[in-house]
Amino acid sequence: MSISNRFFSTGGYLAVVIAVAVGAAGYVRSAAIILSLATIAIAMARNAQGRIERYLPILLAIALFVMAIALPHGR
């Protein structure tokens, strides 16, 4: 595991923890955006050989990011 993969993996898992804490505090849109970026970081850190294993998590994260941006203000 190279240093960049280790950085993306550790940073991604740390961002997941932060996203859960932010979501529990009530900031759902911010948590969804952080979680989507964390998912992309973790997917980039994995050394998957197949296309589906590599790009499906990235596509799901992009869909989550778009959904979080499109959410109406909930106040």
Foldseek 3Di string as FASTA:
>chain_A
DDPQLVCLQVVLVVLLVVLVVCVVVPPPLVSLLSNLSSQLSNLVSDPDDDPCSRCVSNVVSVVSNVVSVPDDDDD
